[in-house]
Amino acid sequence: MKKKKCTNCESCMNYVWDDEAGESVCMANLDEDEYLRFLQSSYDSCPFYQHYDEYKIVQHQN
C-alpha cells in the first residue's frame, strides 16, 4: 500500500512567497509536458510535494 503524500501547500518546499505577485506560489520545476499532465489529471495528493523542515536543513549545514 502506497503512503499518500500531503497536500498542504503551506508546508511544501515548493510553495514560496513571490514579491512581484504579492502572494505565495508553487515553484515546482515542471516542464510543459509535466505541467499539462498535472492540470489534466486528478490527484488525491500533489506528486510534487516536498515537506519543508527547516530543522532538518540546519542539521545538514552543521
N, C-alpha and C. Protein backbone atom coordinates (compact mmCIF):
# COMPACT_ATOMS: atom_id res chain seq x y z
N MET A 1 0.83 -1.17 0.00
CA MET A 1 0.00 0.00 0.00
C MET A 1 0.88 1.25 0.00
N LYS A 2 0.66 2.15 -0.93
CA LYS A 2 1.47 3.36 -1.03
C LYS A 2 1.05 4.37 0.02
N LYS A 3 2.04 5.06 0.56
CA LYS A 3 1.77 6.11 1.52
C LYS A 3 1.34 7.36 0.76
N LYS A 4 0.25 7.97 1.16
CA LYS A 4 -0.24 9.18 0.50
C LYS A 4 0.63 10.36 0.86
N LYS A 5 0.91 11.19 -0.11
CA LYS A 5 1.65 12.41 0.14
C LYS A 5 0.70 13.48 0.65
N CYS A 6 1.27 14.41 1.37
CA CYS A 6 0.49 15.51 1.92
C CYS A 6 0.12 16.50 0.82
N THR A 7 -0.94 17.22 1.00
CA THR A 7 -1.36 18.21 0.01
C THR A 7 -1.40 19.62 0.59
N ASN A 8 -0.83 19.81 1.77
CA ASN A 8 -0.84 21.12 2.40
C ASN A 8 0.28 21.97 1.79
N CYS A 9 -0.07 22.85 0.88
CA CYS A 9 0.93 23.67 0.17
C CYS A 9 1.78 24.51 1.12
N GLU A 10 1.20 24.96 2.21
CA GLU A 10 1.91 25.84 3.12
C GLU A 10 3.10 25.17 3.80
N SER A 11 3.15 23.85 3.82
CA SER A 11 4.30 23.15 4.42
C SER A 11 5.20 22.55 3.35
N CYS A 12 5.03 22.96 2.10
CA CYS A 12 5.80 22.41 0.98
C CYS A 12 6.99 23.31 0.66
N MET A 13 8.13 22.71 0.31
CA MET A 13 9.33 23.46 -0.07
C MET A 13 9.11 24.25 -1.36
N ASN A 14 8.20 23.80 -2.21
CA ASN A 14 7.95 24.45 -3.49
C ASN A 14 7.04 25.66 -3.40
N TYR A 15 6.44 25.88 -2.24
CA TYR A 15 5.48 26.97 -2.05
C TYR A 15 6.21 28.15 -1.42
N VAL A 16 6.51 29.17 -2.21
CA VAL A 16 7.32 30.30 -1.73
C VAL A 16 6.62 31.62 -2.00
N TRP A 17 7.04 32.64 -1.26
CA TRP A 17 6.47 33.98 -1.40
C TRP A 17 7.06 34.65 -2.64
N ASP A 18 6.21 35.21 -3.49
CA ASP A 18 6.63 35.94 -4.68
C ASP A 18 6.31 37.41 -4.45
N ASP A 19 7.37 38.24 -4.32
CA ASP A 19 7.18 39.67 -4.05
C ASP A 19 6.44 40.37 -5.17
N GLU A 20 6.72 40.00 -6.42
CA GLU A 20 6.07 40.66 -7.55
C GLU A 20 4.58 40.38 -7.60
N ALA A 21 4.21 39.13 -7.33
CA ALA A 21 2.79 38.75 -7.35
C ALA A 21 2.09 39.14 -6.05
N GLY A 22 2.87 39.29 -4.98
CA GLY A 22 2.27 39.63 -3.70
C GLY A 22 1.54 38.48 -3.06
N GLU A 23 1.94 37.25 -3.40
CA GLU A 23 1.30 36.06 -2.83
C GLU A 23 2.26 34.88 -2.91
N SER A 24 1.93 33.82 -2.21
CA SER A 24 2.72 32.61 -2.29
C SER A 24 2.32 31.83 -3.54
N VAL A 25 3.32 31.25 -4.19
CA VAL A 25 3.08 30.49 -5.42
C VAL A 25 3.87 29.19 -5.39
N CYS A 26 3.43 28.23 -6.16
CA CYS A 26 4.12 26.95 -6.27
C CYS A 26 5.25 27.09 -7.28
N MET A 27 6.47 26.78 -6.85
CA MET A 27 7.63 26.92 -7.72
C MET A 27 8.18 25.55 -8.13
N ALA A 28 7.33 24.51 -8.16
CA ALA A 28 7.78 23.19 -8.60
C ALA A 28 8.31 23.32 -10.02
N ASN A 29 9.46 22.73 -10.27
CA ASN A 29 10.12 22.84 -11.56
C ASN A 29 9.52 21.81 -12.53
N LEU A 30 8.54 22.26 -13.31
CA LEU A 30 7.85 21.38 -14.26
C LEU A 30 8.10 21.87 -15.68
N ASP A 31 8.32 20.92 -16.59
CA ASP A 31 8.39 21.32 -17.99
C ASP A 31 6.96 21.37 -18.55
N GLU A 32 6.81 21.75 -19.80
CA GLU A 32 5.46 21.92 -20.38
C GLU A 32 4.63 20.64 -20.31
N ASP A 33 5.25 19.52 -20.65
CA ASP A 33 4.52 18.24 -20.65
C ASP A 33 4.07 17.84 -19.26
N GLU A 34 4.96 18.00 -18.27
CA GLU A 34 4.60 17.67 -16.88
C GLU A 34 3.47 18.57 -16.39
N TYR A 35 3.55 19.85 -16.72
CA TYR A 35 2.53 20.80 -16.28
C TYR A 35 1.18 20.46 -16.91
N LEU A 36 1.16 20.12 -18.17
CA LEU A 36 -0.07 19.74 -18.85
C LEU A 36 -0.68 18.48 -18.23
N ARG A 37 0.17 17.47 -17.97
CA ARG A 37 -0.32 16.24 -17.32
C ARG A 37 -0.87 16.54 -15.94
N PHE A 38 -0.19 17.43 -15.21
CA PHE A 38 -0.64 17.80 -13.87
C PHE A 38 -2.02 18.45 -13.92
N LEU A 39 -2.23 19.35 -14.87
CA LEU A 39 -3.51 20.04 -14.99
C LEU A 39 -4.63 19.11 -15.45
N GLN A 40 -4.31 18.13 -16.28
CA GLN A 40 -5.33 17.24 -16.84
C GLN A 40 -5.66 16.07 -15.93
N SER A 41 -4.84 15.80 -14.97
CA SER A 41 -5.04 14.64 -14.10
C SER A 41 -5.75 15.05 -12.81
N SER A 42 -6.36 14.07 -12.20
CA SER A 42 -6.94 14.33 -10.88
C SER A 42 -6.12 13.54 -9.87
N TYR A 43 -5.47 14.27 -8.99
CA TYR A 43 -4.62 13.66 -7.97
C TYR A 43 -5.32 13.73 -6.63
N ASP A 44 -5.13 12.68 -5.83
CA ASP A 44 -5.59 12.72 -4.44
C ASP A 44 -4.66 13.60 -3.63
N SER A 45 -3.39 13.64 -4.04
CA SER A 45 -2.40 14.47 -3.38
C SER A 45 -1.39 14.93 -4.43
N CYS A 46 -0.69 15.98 -4.13
CA CYS A 46 0.26 16.57 -5.08
C CYS A 46 1.50 15.68 -5.22
N PRO A 47 1.84 15.26 -6.44
CA PRO A 47 3.03 14.42 -6.62
C PRO A 47 4.33 15.20 -6.49
N PHE A 48 4.26 16.52 -6.40
CA PHE A 48 5.46 17.35 -6.33
C PHE A 48 5.70 17.90 -4.92
N TYR A 49 4.89 17.45 -3.97
CA TYR A 49 5.01 17.92 -2.59
C TYR A 49 6.33 17.46 -1.98
N GLN A 50 7.04 18.39 -1.35
CA GLN A 50 8.25 18.09 -0.59
C GLN A 50 8.12 18.82 0.74
N HIS A 51 8.10 18.05 1.82
CA HIS A 51 7.91 18.64 3.14
C HIS A 51 9.06 19.57 3.48
N TYR A 52 8.75 20.79 3.92
CA TYR A 52 9.75 21.76 4.34
C TYR A 52 9.99 21.62 5.82
N ASP A 53 11.21 21.28 6.18
CA ASP A 53 11.58 21.12 7.58
C ASP A 53 12.89 21.88 7.80
N GLU A 54 12.79 23.12 8.30
CA GLU A 54 13.99 23.94 8.44
C GLU A 54 14.97 23.35 9.43
N TYR A 55 14.51 22.59 10.41
CA TYR A 55 15.42 21.97 11.37
C TYR A 55 16.28 20.91 10.70
N LYS A 56 15.69 20.17 9.78
CA LYS A 56 16.44 19.15 9.06
C LYS A 56 17.50 19.80 8.16
N ILE A 57 17.15 20.95 7.55
CA ILE A 57 18.08 21.66 6.71
C ILE A 57 19.27 22.16 7.53
N VAL A 58 19.02 22.68 8.73
CA VAL A 58 20.09 23.19 9.58
C VAL A 58 21.01 22.05 10.00
N GLN A 59 20.48 20.86 10.24
CA GLN A 59 21.30 19.72 10.62
C GLN A 59 22.32 19.41 9.54
N HIS A 60 21.94 19.55 8.27
CA HIS A 60 22.86 19.27 7.16
C HIS A 60 23.94 20.34 7.07
N GLN A 61 23.68 21.54 7.56
CA GLN A 61 24.67 22.61 7.50
C GLN A 61 25.75 22.47 8.55
N ASN A 62 25.44 21.76 9.64
CA ASN A 62 26.42 21.60 10.74
C ASN A 62 27.38 20.49 10.47
